[in-house]
């Protein structure tokens, strides 16, 4: 019988570790993960398409578990597959599912103490019914090769269809104080009604919800042209959209200061405090929300640590967020078509 894998609290994304990796030697990265673990992180996120230069992203989790077997018992690794990064397209085939499972299975053989592993369908393939893709993973979950499955950037219909095949452990979606589409489109409600955990990626809106960005006169102008956020051509880093959005971000910055906290801590705290909240935006009880910010320095991990918000403050903040609609899309036009499917 397939069961949901429980997960909660602050998470940690490893994309930036892979982007900055230059060697098979990853001792410093493992120590950074241990620092995050010591600060309370129990959910670590990665993807097979984060692997670069022939160096596997799953290495981070394997080496961490080897170095700290006691910690391995307590963590959940959420690992995305089903996306061809060379053509930037989702792949929901049996072969794509087998590829990620075989990588995980082979890597776990070297461990005496293994973490829970949830394989996440990286994007929904519009050409293959989600029921079929989920069905390809079922034998591996039932036999214990992996512990559960999730889906990234899915819509309400996909959640409903996949849940009929087997319980979903998590959905991975962009969710932050400035990008609230999962509330407005009913995605948060559909997940919460089924007790599906929310892995909130880009909880700092790709660096915009930080004191560093909001405190500058022109953060966008100061970004070098070599910055990946500019190179990818994301709307929020285009002048016409940035100028329309930055005013609200500065309002949130001032609100954070009024609460004696930083903007990044407020952004993380807001998401965590939604977990278990009752009677929120038409939702009886919100399922666990797990922000998964990435960091390559201990100082960044520290700045992402949450504080506390009272229920009154949370609802007051939500009123502010409901009044704002971000200008522009979340990705490039090509990628936008792969979201909320």
C-alpha atoms as a PDB file:
ATOM      1  CA  UNK A   1       0.000   0.000   0.000  1.00  0.00           C
ATOM      2  CA  UNK A   2       1.350   3.424  -0.989  1.00  0.00           C
ATOM      3  CA  UNK A   3       1.461   5.953   1.848  1.00  0.00           C
ATOM      4  CA  UNK A   4       2.388   9.614   1.922  1.00  0.00           C
ATOM      5  CA  UNK A   5       5.865  10.408   3.205  1.00  0.00           C
ATOM      6  CA  UNK A   6       5.526  12.936   6.071  1.00  0.00           C
ATOM      7  CA  UNK A   7       7.610  16.110   5.783  1.00  0.00           C
ATOM      8  CA  UNK A   8       7.559  19.472   7.474  1.00  0.00           C
ATOM      9  CA  UNK A   9       9.621  22.484   8.517  1.00  0.00           C
ATOM     10  CA  UNK A  10      12.319  24.380   6.669  1.00  0.00           C
ATOM     11  CA  UNK A  11      13.882  22.674   3.669  1.00  0.00           C
ATOM     12  CA  UNK A  12      17.046  23.201   1.638  1.00  0.00           C
ATOM     13  CA  UNK A  13      17.494  23.263  -2.140  1.00  0.00           C
ATOM     14  CA  UNK A  14      20.745  22.102  -3.749  1.00  0.00           C
ATOM     15  CA  UNK A  15      20.537  23.725  -7.192  1.00  0.00           C
ATOM     16  CA  UNK A  16      23.086  26.411  -6.292  1.00  0.00           C
ATOM     17  CA  UNK A  17      25.467  23.736  -4.991  1.00  0.00           C
ATOM     18  CA  UNK A  18      25.368  22.017  -8.372  1.00  0.00           C
ATOM     19  CA  UNK A  19      25.732  25.255 -10.331  1.00  0.00           C
ATOM     20  CA  UNK A  20      28.848  26.173  -8.363  1.00  0.00           C
ATOM     21  CA  UNK A  21      30.344  22.670  -8.282  1.00  0.00           C
ATOM     22  CA  UNK A  22      33.667  22.283 -10.063  1.00  0.00           C
ATOM     23  CA  UNK A  23      35.038  19.020  -8.634  1.00  0.00           C
ATOM     24  CA  UNK A  24      33.978  15.525  -7.521  1.00  0.00           C
ATOM     25  CA  UNK A  25      35.242  16.581  -4.085  1.00  0.00           C
ATOM     26  CA  UNK A  26      32.215  17.899  -2.154  1.00  0.00           C
ATOM     27  CA  UNK A  27      33.342  17.924   1.464  1.00  0.00           C
ATOM     28  CA  UNK A  28      32.574  21.623   1.903  1.00  0.00           C
ATOM     29  CA  UNK A  29      29.089  21.176   0.427  1.00  0.00           C
ATOM     30  CA  UNK A  30      28.385  18.263   2.765  1.00  0.00           C
ATOM     31  CA  UNK A  31      29.437  20.389   5.730  1.00  0.00           C
ATOM     32  CA  UNK A  32      27.116  23.138   4.535  1.00  0.00           C
ATOM     33  CA  UNK A  33      24.269  20.635   4.434  1.00  0.00           C
ATOM     34  CA  UNK A  34      25.176  19.511   7.951  1.00  0.00           C
ATOM     35  CA  UNK A  35      25.046  23.146   9.068  1.00  0.00           C
ATOM     36  CA  UNK A  36      21.552  23.400   7.596  1.00  0.00           C
ATOM     37  CA  UNK A  37      20.587  20.140   9.275  1.00  0.00           C
ATOM     38  CA  UNK A  38      21.828  21.452  12.630  1.00  0.00           C
ATOM     39  CA  UNK A  39      19.634  24.504  12.104  1.00  0.00           C
ATOM     40  CA  UNK A  40      16.576  22.274  11.754  1.00  0.00           C
ATOM     41  CA  UNK A  41      16.413  21.349   8.059  1.00  0.00           C
ATOM     42  CA  UNK A  42      15.018  17.864   7.474  1.00  0.00           C
ATOM     43  CA  UNK A  43      13.952  18.066   3.815  1.00  0.00           C
ATOM     44  CA  UNK A  44      16.638  18.290   1.126  1.00  0.00           C
ATOM     45  CA  UNK A  45      15.688  18.915  -2.501  1.00  0.00           C
ATOM     46  CA  UNK A  46      17.515  18.102  -5.728  1.00  0.00           C
ATOM     47  CA  UNK A  47      17.058  16.836  -9.290  1.00  0.00           C
ATOM     48  CA  UNK A  48      18.782  14.593 -11.779  1.00  0.00           C
ATOM     49  CA  UNK A  49      18.720  17.504 -14.252  1.00  0.00           C
ATOM     50  CA  UNK A  50      20.700  19.623 -11.754  1.00  0.00           C
ATOM     51  CA  UNK A  51      23.638  17.315 -12.466  1.00  0.00           C
ATOM     52  CA  UNK A  52      26.313  19.174 -14.415  1.00  0.00           C
ATOM     53  CA  UNK A  53      29.608  18.245 -16.012  1.00  0.00           C
ATOM     54  CA  UNK A  54      29.019  14.547 -15.406  1.00  0.00           C
ATOM     55  CA  UNK A  55      28.746  15.138 -11.659  1.00  0.00           C
ATOM     56  CA  UNK A  56      25.527  13.810 -10.133  1.00  0.00           C
ATOM     57  CA  UNK A  57      23.377  16.030  -7.928  1.00  0.00           C
ATOM     58  CA  UNK A  58      22.451  12.943  -5.898  1.00  0.00           C
ATOM     59  CA  UNK A  59      26.099  12.753  -4.770  1.00  0.00           C
ATOM     60  CA  UNK A  60      25.366  15.472  -2.229  1.00  0.00           C
ATOM     61  CA  UNK A  61      22.788  13.333  -0.453  1.00  0.00           C
ATOM     62  CA  UNK A  62      24.841  10.137  -0.599  1.00  0.00           C
ATOM     63  CA  UNK A  63      27.965  11.749   0.821  1.00  0.00           C
ATOM     64  CA  UNK A  64      25.980  13.555   3.496  1.00  0.00           C
ATOM     65  CA  UNK A  65      24.387  10.280   4.615  1.00  0.00           C
ATOM     66  CA  UNK A  66      27.767   8.526   4.648  1.00  0.00           C
ATOM     67  CA  UNK A  67      29.299  11.257   6.779  1.00  0.00           C
ATOM     68  CA  UNK A  68      26.321  11.604   9.119  1.00  0.00           C
ATOM     69  CA  UNK A  69      24.369   8.336   9.290  1.00  0.00           C
ATOM     70  CA  UNK A  70      22.426   9.461  12.360  1.00  0.00           C
ATOM     71  CA  UNK A  71      21.139  12.423  10.370  1.00  0.00           C
ATOM     72  CA  UNK A  72      20.306  10.175   7.405  1.00  0.00           C
ATOM     73  CA  UNK A  73      17.623   8.498   9.492  1.00  0.00           C
ATOM     74  CA  UNK A  74      15.767  11.772   9.905  1.00  0.00           C
ATOM     75  CA  UNK A  75      15.863  13.399   6.485  1.00  0.00           C
ATOM     76  CA  UNK A  76      13.692  13.226   3.395  1.00  0.00           C
ATOM     77  CA  UNK A  77      15.301  13.686  -0.017  1.00  0.00           C
ATOM     78  CA  UNK A  78      12.934  14.967  -2.698  1.00  0.00           C
ATOM     79  CA  UNK A  79      14.516  14.332  -6.092  1.00  0.00           C
ATOM     80  CA  UNK A  80      13.093  15.503  -9.402  1.00  0.00           C
ATOM     81  CA  UNK A  81      13.265  13.698 -12.718  1.00  0.00           C
ATOM     82  CA  UNK A  82      11.132  13.503 -15.875  1.00  0.00           C
ATOM     83  CA  UNK A  83      12.603  16.604 -17.475  1.00  0.00           C
ATOM     84  CA  UNK A  84      15.020  16.791 -20.403  1.00  0.00           C
ATOM     85  CA  UNK A  85      17.173  19.823 -19.660  1.00  0.00           C
ATOM     86  CA  UNK A  86      18.836  19.723 -23.109  1.00  0.00           C
ATOM     87  CA  UNK A  87      15.564  20.611 -24.824  1.00  0.00           C
ATOM     88  CA  UNK A  88      13.784  22.044 -21.764  1.00  0.00           C
ATOM     89  CA  UNK A  89      10.857  19.651 -22.075  1.00  0.00           C
ATOM     90  CA  UNK A  90       9.020  17.334 -19.658  1.00  0.00           C
ATOM     91  CA  UNK A  91       9.216  13.601 -20.314  1.00  0.00           C
ATOM     92  CA  UNK A  92       6.615  11.375 -18.677  1.00  0.00           C
ATOM     93  CA  UNK A  93       7.680   8.113 -20.296  1.00  0.00           C
ATOM     94  CA  UNK A  94       8.436   4.829 -18.570  1.00  0.00           C
ATOM     95  CA  UNK A  95      12.079   5.158 -19.642  1.00  0.00           C
ATOM     96  CA  UNK A  96      12.362   8.592 -17.980  1.00  0.00           C
ATOM     97  CA  UNK A  97      10.919   7.205 -14.746  1.00  0.00           C
ATOM     98  CA  UNK A  98      13.294   4.239 -14.844  1.00  0.00           C
ATOM     99  CA  UNK A  99      16.242   6.581 -15.412  1.00  0.00           C
ATOM    100  CA  UNK A 100      15.774   8.495 -12.171  1.00  0.00           C
ATOM    101  CA  UNK A 101      14.826   5.408 -10.133  1.00  0.00           C
ATOM    102  CA  UNK A 102      17.878   3.493 -11.352  1.00  0.00           C
ATOM    103  CA  UNK A 103      20.136   6.417 -10.435  1.00  0.00           C
ATOM    104  CA  UNK A 104      18.673   6.569  -6.935  1.00  0.00           C
ATOM    105  CA  UNK A 105      18.713   2.800  -6.477  1.00  0.00           C
ATOM    106  CA  UNK A 106      22.337   2.487  -7.538  1.00  0.00           C
ATOM    107  CA  UNK A 107      23.441   5.388  -5.341  1.00  0.00           C
ATOM    108  CA  UNK A 108      21.667   4.071  -2.258  1.00  0.00           C
ATOM    109  CA  UNK A 109      23.530   0.758  -2.479  1.00  0.00           C
ATOM    110  CA  UNK A 110      26.582   2.431  -0.957  1.00  0.00           C
ATOM    111  CA  UNK A 111      24.690   3.502   2.169  1.00  0.00           C
ATOM    112  CA  UNK A 112      24.176   1.530   5.363  1.00  0.00           C
ATOM    113  CA  UNK A 113      21.675   4.109   6.639  1.00  0.00           C
ATOM    114  CA  UNK A 114      19.353   5.460   3.986  1.00  0.00           C
ATOM    115  CA  UNK A 115      17.142   8.541   3.904  1.00  0.00           C
ATOM    116  CA  UNK A 116      13.541   8.573   2.788  1.00  0.00           C
ATOM    117  CA  UNK A 117      13.486   9.328  -0.947  1.00  0.00           C
ATOM    118  CA  UNK A 118      10.540  10.895  -2.746  1.00  0.00           C
ATOM    119  CA  UNK A 119      10.908  11.088  -6.529  1.00  0.00           C
ATOM    120  CA  UNK A 120       9.218  14.181  -7.935  1.00  0.00           C
ATOM    121  CA  UNK A 121       7.884  14.360 -11.498  1.00  0.00           C
ATOM    122  CA  UNK A 122       9.778  17.494 -12.554  1.00  0.00           C
ATOM    123  CA  UNK A 123       7.112  18.819 -14.944  1.00  0.00           C
ATOM    124  CA  UNK A 124       3.866  17.395 -16.247  1.00  0.00           C
ATOM    125  CA  UNK A 125       4.195  15.934 -19.749  1.00  0.00           C
ATOM    126  CA  UNK A 126       1.113  17.147 -21.679  1.00  0.00           C
ATOM    127  CA  UNK A 127       1.454  14.261 -24.127  1.00  0.00           C
ATOM    128  CA  UNK A 128       1.233  11.474 -21.543  1.00  0.00           C
ATOM    129  CA  UNK A 129      -1.597  11.148 -19.006  1.00  0.00           C
ATOM    130  CA  UNK A 130      -0.324  11.816 -15.498  1.00  0.00           C
ATOM    131  CA  UNK A 131      -1.972   8.573 -14.400  1.00  0.00           C
ATOM    132  CA  UNK A 132       0.427   6.661 -16.642  1.00  0.00           C
ATOM    133  CA  UNK A 133       3.522   8.460 -15.371  1.00  0.00           C
ATOM    134  CA  UNK A 134       2.499   7.897 -11.753  1.00  0.00           C
ATOM    135  CA  UNK A 135       1.761   4.282 -12.617  1.00  0.00           C
ATOM    136  CA  UNK A 136       5.340   3.762 -13.795  1.00  0.00           C
ATOM    137  CA  UNK A 137       6.577   4.701 -10.312  1.00  0.00           C
ATOM    138  CA  UNK A 138       4.112   2.577  -8.357  1.00  0.00           C
ATOM    139  CA  UNK A 139       6.038  -0.742  -8.485  1.00  0.00           C
ATOM    140  CA  UNK A 140       9.159   0.978  -7.138  1.00  0.00           C
ATOM    141  CA  UNK A 141       7.212   2.547  -4.264  1.00  0.00           C
ATOM    142  CA  UNK A 142       5.404  -0.675  -3.435  1.00  0.00           C
ATOM    143  CA  UNK A 143       8.681  -2.632  -3.423  1.00  0.00           C
ATOM    144  CA  UNK A 144      10.426  -0.024  -1.256  1.00  0.00           C
ATOM    145  CA  UNK A 145      13.001   1.130  -3.811  1.00  0.00           C
ATOM    146  CA  UNK A 146      11.694   4.673  -3.301  1.00  0.00           C
ATOM    147  CA  UNK A 147       9.344   5.850  -0.582  1.00  0.00           C
ATOM    148  CA  UNK A 148       6.877   8.046  -2.433  1.00  0.00           C
ATOM    149  CA  UNK A 149       6.298  10.414  -5.313  1.00  0.00           C
ATOM    150  CA  UNK A 150       5.522  14.053  -5.902  1.00  0.00           C
ATOM    151  CA  UNK A 151       4.727  16.352  -8.819  1.00  0.00           C
ATOM    152  CA  UNK A 152       6.205  19.740  -9.687  1.00  0.00           C
ATOM    153  CA  UNK A 153       4.301  22.688 -11.192  1.00  0.00           C
ATOM    154  CA  UNK A 154       0.998  20.859 -11.363  1.00  0.00           C
ATOM    155  CA  UNK A 155      -2.530  22.206 -11.542  1.00  0.00           C
ATOM    156  CA  UNK A 156      -5.705  21.168  -9.746  1.00  0.00           C
ATOM    157  CA  UNK A 157      -6.752  18.649 -12.396  1.00  0.00           C
ATOM    158  CA  UNK A 158      -3.386  16.860 -12.247  1.00  0.00           C
ATOM    159  CA  UNK A 159      -3.557  16.640  -8.446  1.00  0.00           C
ATOM    160  CA  UNK A 160      -7.036  15.152  -8.674  1.00  0.00           C
ATOM    161  CA  UNK A 161      -6.089  12.613 -11.352  1.00  0.00           C
ATOM    162  CA  UNK A 162      -2.811  11.525  -9.755  1.00  0.00           C
ATOM    163  CA  UNK A 163      -4.401  11.138  -6.320  1.00  0.00           C
ATOM    164  CA  UNK A 164      -6.796   8.572  -7.720  1.00  0.00           C
ATOM    165  CA  UNK A 165      -3.807   6.402  -8.679  1.00  0.00           C
ATOM    166  CA  UNK A 166      -1.872   6.750  -5.406  1.00  0.00           C
ATOM    167  CA  UNK A 167      -1.491   9.328  -2.608  1.00  0.00           C
ATOM    168  CA  UNK A 168       0.868  12.202  -3.503  1.00  0.00           C
ATOM    169  CA  UNK A 169       3.517  12.976  -0.889  1.00  0.00           C
ATOM    170  CA  UNK A 170       4.286  16.496  -2.099  1.00  0.00           C
ATOM    171  CA  UNK A 171       3.916  19.006  -4.866  1.00  0.00           C
ATOM    172  CA  UNK A 172       6.799  21.335  -5.699  1.00  0.00           C
ATOM    173  CA  UNK A 173       5.633  24.768  -6.798  1.00  0.00           C
ATOM    174  CA  UNK A 174       6.821  28.348  -6.776  1.00  0.00           C
ATOM    175  CA  UNK A 175       5.234  30.040  -3.767  1.00  0.00           C
ATOM    176  CA  UNK A 176       6.243  33.271  -2.096  1.00  0.00           C
ATOM    177  CA  UNK A 177       4.820  36.530  -0.794  1.00  0.00           C
ATOM    178  CA  UNK A 178       4.915  37.962  -4.327  1.00  0.00           C
ATOM    179  CA  UNK A 179       3.830  34.874  -6.296  1.00  0.00           C
ATOM    180  CA  UNK A 180       0.556  33.619  -4.858  1.00  0.00           C
ATOM    181  CA  UNK A 181      -0.879  31.809  -7.868  1.00  0.00           C
ATOM    182  CA  UNK A 182      -1.250  28.509  -6.016  1.00  0.00           C
ATOM    183  CA  UNK A 183      -3.782  30.188  -3.736  1.00  0.00           C
ATOM    184  CA  UNK A 184      -5.635  31.983  -6.517  1.00  0.00           C
ATOM    185  CA  UNK A 185      -5.782  28.952  -8.835  1.00  0.00           C
ATOM    186  CA  UNK A 186      -6.997  26.568  -6.117  1.00  0.00           C
ATOM    187  CA  UNK A 187      -3.785  24.517  -6.137  1.00  0.00           C
ATOM    188  CA  UNK A 188      -3.092  25.048  -2.435  1.00  0.00           C
ATOM    189  CA  UNK A 189      -6.652  24.007  -1.601  1.00  0.00           C
ATOM    190  CA  UNK A 190      -6.522  20.892  -3.792  1.00  0.00           C
ATOM    191  CA  UNK A 191      -3.265  19.832  -2.120  1.00  0.00           C
ATOM    192  CA  UNK A 192      -4.433  20.688   1.389  1.00  0.00           C
ATOM    193  CA  UNK A 193      -7.703  18.788   0.944  1.00  0.00           C
ATOM    194  CA  UNK A 194      -5.526  15.713   0.343  1.00  0.00           C
ATOM    195  CA  UNK A 195      -2.876  16.494   2.980  1.00  0.00           C
ATOM    196  CA  UNK A 196      -0.226  16.872   0.276  1.00  0.00           C
ATOM    197  CA  UNK A 197       2.857  18.781   1.452  1.00  0.00           C
ATOM    198  CA  UNK A 198       3.903  21.908  -0.452  1.00  0.00           C
ATOM    199  CA  UNK A 199       7.572  22.268  -1.406  1.00  0.00           C
ATOM    200  CA  UNK A 200       7.772  26.031  -1.930  1.00  0.00           C
ATOM    201  CA  UNK A 201      10.636  26.773  -4.294  1.00  0.00           C
ATOM    202  CA  UNK A 202      11.905  30.324  -4.879  1.00  0.00           C
ATOM    203  CA  UNK A 203      10.437  31.423  -1.528  1.00  0.00           C
ATOM    204  CA  UNK A 204      12.574  34.587  -1.786  1.00  0.00           C
ATOM    205  CA  UNK A 205      11.381  35.264  -5.342  1.00  0.00           C
ATOM    206  CA  UNK A 206      14.838  34.543  -6.766  1.00  0.00           C
ATOM    207  CA  UNK A 207      16.540  36.967  -4.398  1.00  0.00           C
ATOM    208  CA  UNK A 208      14.092  39.864  -4.611  1.00  0.00           C
ATOM    209  CA  UNK A 209      12.559  39.253  -1.176  1.00  0.00           C
ATOM    210  CA  UNK A 210      15.754  40.100   0.686  1.00  0.00           C
ATOM    211  CA  UNK A 211      17.015  43.128   2.568  1.00  0.00           C
ATOM    212  CA  UNK A 212      19.888  43.312   0.091  1.00  0.00           C
ATOM    213  CA  UNK A 213      17.586  43.678  -2.933  1.00  0.00           C
ATOM    214  CA  UNK A 214      14.846  45.792  -1.358  1.00  0.00           C
ATOM    215  CA  UNK A 215      17.284  48.108   0.381  1.00  0.00           C
ATOM    216  CA  UNK A 216      19.018  49.228  -2.837  1.00  0.00           C
ATOM    217  CA  UNK A 217      17.984  52.171  -4.991  1.00  0.00           C
ATOM    218  CA  UNK A 218      18.165  49.994  -8.110  1.00  0.00           C
ATOM    219  CA  UNK A 219      18.886  46.326  -7.499  1.00  0.00           C
ATOM    220  CA  UNK A 220      18.214  45.409 -11.127  1.00  0.00           C
ATOM    221  CA  UNK A 221      20.619  48.014 -12.450  1.00  0.00           C
ATOM    222  CA  UNK A 222      23.323  46.722 -10.143  1.00  0.00           C
ATOM    223  CA  UNK A 223      22.985  43.134 -11.409  1.00  0.00           C
ATOM    224  CA  UNK A 224      25.700  42.249 -13.952  1.00  0.00           C
ATOM    225  CA  UNK A 225      24.597  41.142 -17.408  1.00  0.00           C
ATOM    226  CA  UNK A 226      26.228  37.776 -16.652  1.00  0.00           C
ATOM    227  CA  UNK A 227      23.732  37.114 -13.844  1.00  0.00           C
ATOM    228  CA  UNK A 228      21.775  33.959 -14.693  1.00  0.00           C
ATOM    229  CA  UNK A 229      18.497  35.646 -13.793  1.00  0.00           C
ATOM    230  CA  UNK A 230      19.061  38.211 -16.524  1.00  0.00           C
ATOM    231  CA  UNK A 231      20.427  35.692 -19.011  1.00  0.00           C
ATOM    232  CA  UNK A 232      17.334  33.496 -18.686  1.00  0.00           C
ATOM    233  CA  UNK A 233      15.156  36.489 -19.529  1.00  0.00           C
ATOM    234  CA  UNK A 234      12.720  36.067 -16.646  1.00  0.00           C
ATOM    235  CA  UNK A 235      10.064  38.770 -16.625  1.00  0.00           C
ATOM    236  CA  UNK A 236      10.702  39.837 -13.056  1.00  0.00           C
ATOM    237  CA  UNK A 237      14.243  40.834 -14.047  1.00  0.00           C
ATOM    238  CA  UNK A 238      13.127  42.871 -17.053  1.00  0.00           C
ATOM    239  CA  UNK A 239      12.934  46.600 -16.453  1.00  0.00           C
ATOM    240  CA  UNK A 240       9.276  47.057 -17.412  1.00  0.00           C
ATOM    241  CA  UNK A 241       8.159  44.459 -14.859  1.00  0.00           C
ATOM    242  CA  UNK A 242      10.781  45.076 -12.205  1.00  0.00           C
ATOM    243  CA  UNK A 243       9.813  48.727 -11.869  1.00  0.00           C
ATOM    244  CA  UNK A 244       6.146  47.791 -11.379  1.00  0.00           C
ATOM    245  CA  UNK A 245       6.928  45.158  -8.722  1.00  0.00           C
ATOM    246  CA  UNK A 246       9.726  46.695  -6.676  1.00  0.00           C
ATOM    247  CA  UNK A 247       7.457  49.229  -4.971  1.00  0.00           C
ATOM    248  CA  UNK A 248       5.449  46.472  -3.289  1.00  0.00           C
ATOM    249  CA  UNK A 249       8.627  44.599  -2.374  1.00  0.00           C
ATOM    250  CA  UNK A 250       9.892  47.746  -0.644  1.00  0.00           C
ATOM    251  CA  UNK A 251       6.562  47.940   1.244  1.00  0.00           C
ATOM    252  CA  UNK A 252       7.146  44.389   2.491  1.00  0.00           C
ATOM    253  CA  UNK A 253      10.693  45.405   3.435  1.00  0.00           C
ATOM    254  CA  UNK A 254       9.338  48.207   5.613  1.00  0.00           C
ATOM    255  CA  UNK A 255       6.745  45.853   7.101  1.00  0.00           C
ATOM    256  CA  UNK A 256       9.516  43.407   8.024  1.00  0.00           C
ATOM    257  CA  UNK A 257      11.462  46.209   9.693  1.00  0.00           C
ATOM    258  CA  UNK A 258       8.357  47.143  11.696  1.00  0.00           C
ATOM    259  CA  UNK A 259       8.342  43.563  13.009  1.00  0.00           C
ATOM    260  CA  UNK A 260      12.068  43.756  13.860  1.00  0.00           C
ATOM    261  CA  UNK A 261      13.025  41.140  11.299  1.00  0.00           C
ATOM    262  CA  UNK A 262      14.580  40.879   7.846  1.00  0.00           C
ATOM    263  CA  UNK A 263      12.615  40.585   4.634  1.00  0.00           C
ATOM    264  CA  UNK A 264      14.054  37.127   3.902  1.00  0.00           C
ATOM    265  CA  UNK A 265      13.183  35.856   7.363  1.00  0.00           C
ATOM    266  CA  UNK A 266       9.658  37.269   7.021  1.00  0.00           C
ATOM    267  CA  UNK A 267       9.285  35.547   3.633  1.00  0.00           C
ATOM    268  CA  UNK A 268      10.293  32.165   5.073  1.00  0.00           C
ATOM    269  CA  UNK A 269       8.306  32.629   8.283  1.00  0.00           C
ATOM    270  CA  UNK A 270       5.155  33.502   6.337  1.00  0.00           C
ATOM    271  CA  UNK A 271       5.260  30.211   4.416  1.00  0.00           C
ATOM    272  CA  UNK A 272       6.057  28.071   7.445  1.00  0.00           C
ATOM    273  CA  UNK A 273       3.314  29.658   9.533  1.00  0.00           C
ATOM    274  CA  UNK A 274       0.736  28.708   6.915  1.00  0.00           C
ATOM    275  CA  UNK A 275       1.278  25.049   7.809  1.00  0.00           C
ATOM    276  CA  UNK A 276      -1.761  23.752   9.648  1.00  0.00           C
ATOM    277  CA  UNK A 277      -3.523  27.118   9.523  1.00  0.00           C
ATOM    278  CA  UNK A 278      -7.298  26.775   9.623  1.00  0.00           C
ATOM    279  CA  UNK A 279      -9.894  28.759   7.678  1.00  0.00           C
ATOM    280  CA  UNK A 280      -7.348  30.338   5.350  1.00  0.00           C
ATOM    281  CA  UNK A 281      -8.493  31.657   1.970  1.00  0.00           C
ATOM    282  CA  UNK A 282     -11.291  29.109   1.685  1.00  0.00           C
ATOM    283  CA  UNK A 283      -9.114  26.225   2.892  1.00  0.00           C
ATOM    284  CA  UNK A 284     -10.239  24.279   5.958  1.00  0.00           C
ATOM    285  CA  UNK A 285      -6.681  23.459   7.008  1.00  0.00           C
ATOM    286  CA  UNK A 286      -3.504  24.184   5.058  1.00  0.00           C
ATOM    287  CA  UNK A 287      -1.173  21.221   4.615  1.00  0.00           C
ATOM    288  CA  UNK A 288       2.505  21.526   5.551  1.00  0.00           C
ATOM    289  CA  UNK A 289       4.366  24.183   3.582  1.00  0.00           C
ATOM    290  CA  UNK A 290       8.123  23.586   3.280  1.00  0.00           C
ATOM    291  CA  UNK A 291      10.198  26.454   1.878  1.00  0.00           C
ATOM    292  CA  UNK A 292      13.284  25.137   0.057  1.00  0.00           C
ATOM    293  CA  UNK A 293      15.658  28.095  -0.344  1.00  0.00           C
ATOM    294  CA  UNK A 294      19.126  27.373  -1.671  1.00  0.00           C
ATOM    295  CA  UNK A 295      22.336  28.684  -0.110  1.00  0.00           C
ATOM    296  CA  UNK A 296      26.073  28.329  -0.662  1.00  0.00           C
ATOM    297  CA  UNK A 297      27.163  30.047   2.556  1.00  0.00           C
ATOM    298  CA  UNK A 298      26.358  29.505   6.220  1.00  0.00           C
ATOM    299  CA  UNK A 299      25.507  33.203   6.485  1.00  0.00           C
ATOM    300  CA  UNK A 300      22.770  32.720   3.882  1.00  0.00           C
ATOM    301  CA  UNK A 301      21.382  29.755   5.773  1.00  0.00           C
ATOM    302  CA  UNK A 302      21.287  31.894   8.907  1.00  0.00           C
ATOM    303  CA  UNK A 303      19.521  34.748   7.137  1.00  0.00           C
ATOM    304  CA  UNK A 304      16.871  32.303   5.885  1.00  0.00           C
ATOM    305  CA  UNK A 305      16.007  31.040   9.355  1.00  0.00           C
ATOM    306  CA  UNK A 306      12.406  31.739  10.344  1.00  0.00           C
ATOM    307  CA  UNK A 307      11.039  33.824  13.161  1.00  0.00           C
ATOM    308  CA  UNK A 308       7.471  33.935  14.448  1.00  0.00           C
ATOM    309  CA  UNK A 309       4.245  35.551  13.251  1.00  0.00           C
ATOM    310  CA  UNK A 310       1.075  35.662  15.300  1.00  0.00           C
ATOM    311  CA  UNK A 311      -2.117  34.502  13.613  1.00  0.00           C
ATOM    312  CA  UNK A 312      -3.295  38.118  13.612  1.00  0.00           C
ATOM    313  CA  UNK A 313      -0.081  39.263  11.919  1.00  0.00           C
ATOM    314  CA  UNK A 314      -0.362  36.453   9.385  1.00  0.00           C
ATOM    315  CA  UNK A 315      -3.875  37.429   8.340  1.00  0.00           C
ATOM    316  CA  UNK A 316      -2.892  41.109   8.275  1.00  0.00           C
ATOM    317  CA  UNK A 317       0.028  40.251   6.002  1.00  0.00           C
ATOM    318  CA  UNK A 318      -2.189  38.134   3.766  1.00  0.00           C
ATOM    319  CA  UNK A 319      -4.471  41.113   3.180  1.00  0.00           C
ATOM    320  CA  UNK A 320      -1.464  43.029   1.871  1.00  0.00           C
ATOM    321  CA  UNK A 321      -0.472  40.133  -0.370  1.00  0.00           C
ATOM    322  CA  UNK A 322      -3.997  39.776  -1.763  1.00  0.00           C
ATOM    323  CA  UNK A 323      -3.877  43.409  -2.911  1.00  0.00           C
ATOM    324  CA  UNK A 324      -0.850  42.783  -5.138  1.00  0.00           C
ATOM    325  CA  UNK A 325      -0.637  41.196  -8.565  1.00  0.00           C
ATOM    326  CA  UNK A 326       2.915  40.701  -9.861  1.00  0.00           C
ATOM    327  CA  UNK A 327       3.633  42.169 -13.265  1.00  0.00           C
ATOM    328  CA  UNK A 328       4.901  39.681 -15.834  1.00  0.00           C
ATOM    329  CA  UNK A 329       5.156  35.905 -15.919  1.00  0.00           C
ATOM    330  CA  UNK A 330       7.229  33.657 -13.706  1.00  0.00           C
ATOM    331  CA  UNK A 331       9.481  32.236 -16.432  1.00  0.00           C
ATOM    332  CA  UNK A 332      10.244  32.777 -20.095  1.00  0.00           C
ATOM    333  CA  UNK A 333       7.283  32.472 -22.528  1.00  0.00           C
ATOM    334  CA  UNK A 334       8.467  28.972 -23.525  1.00  0.00           C
ATOM    335  CA  UNK A 335       8.588  27.791 -19.918  1.00  0.00           C
ATOM    336  CA  UNK A 336       5.306  29.439 -18.941  1.00  0.00           C
ATOM    337  CA  UNK A 337       3.473  26.845 -20.998  1.00  0.00           C
ATOM    338  CA  UNK A 338       4.808  24.095 -18.703  1.00  0.00           C
ATOM    339  CA  UNK A 339       3.373  25.544 -15.509  1.00  0.00           C
ATOM    340  CA  UNK A 340       0.209  24.714 -13.562  1.00  0.00           C
ATOM    341  CA  UNK A 341      -0.621  21.753 -15.837  1.00  0.00           C
END
